[in-house]
Amino acid sequence: MPTVLREANLRVVIYTDDHPPPHIHVFGNGETKIALVGQYGAAQVVRIVGADRRESRRALEIVREKRDYLVERWNDIHG
């Protein structure tokens, strides 16, 4: 499970054996799973486990800012 980005005490991970659609897992105090292309084409939170709202909002902000890079990394890993 490669860490593809670290920012604001959060670690963004793409699992090598994961499934489509493209998504990432953001770890801090908990986990926030975020679809890279959600409804209306924007990144969207799919699931929150143990993360508070503030952490999940920050995770979503980071993913939205770095979305193109993260989609590129997903494609590098999953072909």
C-alpha atoms as a PDB file:
ATOM      1  CA  MET A   1       0.000   0.000   0.000  1.00  0.00           C
ATOM      2  CA  PRO A   2       2.024   2.933  -1.278  1.00  0.00           C
ATOM      3  CA  THR A   3       1.755   6.267   0.486  1.00  0.00           C
ATOM      4  CA  VAL A   4       1.413   8.696  -2.413  1.00  0.00           C
ATOM      5  CA  LEU A   5       1.115  11.941  -0.464  1.00  0.00           C
ATOM      6  CA  ARG A   6       1.664  13.319   3.038  1.00  0.00           C
ATOM      7  CA  GLU A   7       0.157  16.619   4.057  1.00  0.00           C
ATOM      8  CA  ALA A   8      -1.218  18.228   7.236  1.00  0.00           C
ATOM      9  CA  ASN A   9      -0.412  15.126   9.342  1.00  0.00           C
ATOM     10  CA  LEU A  10      -2.433  13.011   6.912  1.00  0.00           C
ATOM     11  CA  ARG A  11      -1.185  10.097   4.835  1.00  0.00           C
ATOM     12  CA  VAL A  12      -2.825   9.412   1.458  1.00  0.00           C
ATOM     13  CA  VAL A  13      -2.662   5.764   0.382  1.00  0.00           C
ATOM     14  CA  ILE A  14      -3.632   3.815  -2.737  1.00  0.00           C
ATOM     15  CA  TYR A  15      -3.848   0.062  -2.198  1.00  0.00           C
ATOM     16  CA  THR A  16      -2.150  -1.926  -4.965  1.00  0.00           C
ATOM     17  CA  ASP A  17      -4.765  -4.702  -4.866  1.00  0.00           C
ATOM     18  CA  ASP A  18      -7.774  -2.370  -4.684  1.00  0.00           C
ATOM     19  CA  HIS A  19     -10.778  -2.171  -6.989  1.00  0.00           C
ATOM     20  CA  PRO A  20     -12.284   0.493  -9.259  1.00  0.00           C
ATOM     21  CA  PRO A  21     -13.641   3.124  -9.248  1.00  0.00           C
ATOM     22  CA  PRO A  22     -10.536   5.194  -8.464  1.00  0.00           C
ATOM     23  CA  HIS A  23     -10.396   6.154  -4.797  1.00  0.00           C
ATOM     24  CA  ILE A  24      -7.889   6.785  -2.035  1.00  0.00           C
ATOM     25  CA  HIS A  25      -7.665   6.189   1.691  1.00  0.00           C
ATOM     26  CA  VAL A  26      -6.555   9.058   3.926  1.00  0.00           C
ATOM     27  CA  PHE A  27      -5.180   8.155   7.358  1.00  0.00           C
ATOM     28  CA  GLY A  28      -4.770  10.479  10.315  1.00  0.00           C
ATOM     29  CA  ASN A  29      -6.440   9.679  13.621  1.00  0.00           C
ATOM     30  CA  GLY A  30      -8.910   7.620  11.602  1.00  0.00           C
ATOM     31  CA  GLU A  31      -9.553   6.785   7.964  1.00  0.00           C
ATOM     32  CA  THR A  32     -11.461   8.682   5.293  1.00  0.00           C
ATOM     33  CA  LYS A  33     -12.084   6.895   1.988  1.00  0.00           C
ATOM     34  CA  ILE A  34     -12.556   9.334  -0.881  1.00  0.00           C
ATOM     35  CA  ALA A  35     -13.691   8.662  -4.449  1.00  0.00           C
ATOM     36  CA  LEU A  36     -11.534  10.613  -6.883  1.00  0.00           C
ATOM     37  CA  VAL A  37     -14.445  10.978  -9.297  1.00  0.00           C
ATOM     38  CA  GLY A  38     -17.683  11.117  -7.345  1.00  0.00           C
ATOM     39  CA  GLN A  39     -21.071  12.542  -8.175  1.00  0.00           C
ATOM     40  CA  TYR A  40     -20.822  15.442 -10.662  1.00  0.00           C
ATOM     41  CA  GLY A  41     -17.163  14.570 -11.294  1.00  0.00           C
ATOM     42  CA  ALA A  42     -15.790  16.001  -8.038  1.00  0.00           C
ATOM     43  CA  ALA A  43     -13.953  14.086  -5.316  1.00  0.00           C
ATOM     44  CA  GLN A  44     -16.402  12.786  -2.713  1.00  0.00           C
ATOM     45  CA  VAL A  45     -16.191  11.160   0.720  1.00  0.00           C
ATOM     46  CA  VAL A  46     -17.304   7.524   0.589  1.00  0.00           C
ATOM     47  CA  ARG A  47     -16.680   6.342   4.148  1.00  0.00           C
ATOM     48  CA  ILE A  48     -15.319   7.641   7.447  1.00  0.00           C
ATOM     49  CA  VAL A  49     -13.960   5.299  10.127  1.00  0.00           C
ATOM     50  CA  GLY A  50     -12.657   6.865  13.326  1.00  0.00           C
ATOM     51  CA  ALA A  51     -11.864  10.275  11.834  1.00  0.00           C
ATOM     52  CA  ASP A  52     -13.643  13.352  13.138  1.00  0.00           C
ATOM     53  CA  ARG A  53     -15.401  15.808  10.821  1.00  0.00           C
ATOM     54  CA  ARG A  54     -12.522  18.268  10.865  1.00  0.00           C
ATOM     55  CA  GLU A  55     -10.013  15.628   9.778  1.00  0.00           C
ATOM     56  CA  SER A  56     -12.334  14.324   7.051  1.00  0.00           C
ATOM     57  CA  ARG A  57     -13.011  17.829   5.729  1.00  0.00           C
ATOM     58  CA  ARG A  58      -9.271  18.532   5.602  1.00  0.00           C
ATOM     59  CA  ALA A  59      -8.686  15.204   3.837  1.00  0.00           C
ATOM     60  CA  LEU A  60     -11.315  16.090   1.220  1.00  0.00           C
ATOM     61  CA  GLU A  61      -9.782  19.554   0.710  1.00  0.00           C
ATOM     62  CA  ILE A  62      -6.348  18.031   0.136  1.00  0.00           C
ATOM     63  CA  VAL A  63      -7.719  15.450  -2.297  1.00  0.00           C
ATOM     64  CA  ARG A  64      -9.626  18.111  -4.235  1.00  0.00           C
ATOM     65  CA  GLU A  65      -6.467  20.252  -4.460  1.00  0.00           C
ATOM     66  CA  LYS A  66      -4.309  17.307  -5.589  1.00  0.00           C
ATOM     67  CA  ARG A  67      -6.944  15.365  -7.532  1.00  0.00           C
ATOM     68  CA  ASP A  68      -5.160  15.340 -10.893  1.00  0.00           C
ATOM     69  CA  TYR A  69      -1.960  14.063  -9.288  1.00  0.00           C
ATOM     70  CA  LEU A  70      -3.868  11.381  -7.350  1.00  0.00           C
ATOM     71  CA  VAL A  71      -5.764  10.188 -10.443  1.00  0.00           C
ATOM     72  CA  GLU A  72      -2.426   9.936 -12.234  1.00  0.00           C
ATOM     73  CA  ARG A  73      -0.959   7.897  -9.355  1.00  0.00           C
ATOM     74  CA  TRP A  74      -4.062   5.626  -9.328  1.00  0.00           C
ATOM     75  CA  ASN A  75      -3.566   5.002 -13.055  1.00  0.00           C
ATOM     76  CA  ASP A  76       0.168   4.346 -12.557  1.00  0.00           C
ATOM     77  CA  ILE A  77      -0.619   1.718  -9.911  1.00  0.00           C
ATOM     78  CA  HIS A  78      -3.693   0.133 -11.501  1.00  0.00           C
ATOM     79  CA  GLY A  79      -2.933   0.622 -15.173  1.00  0.00           C
END
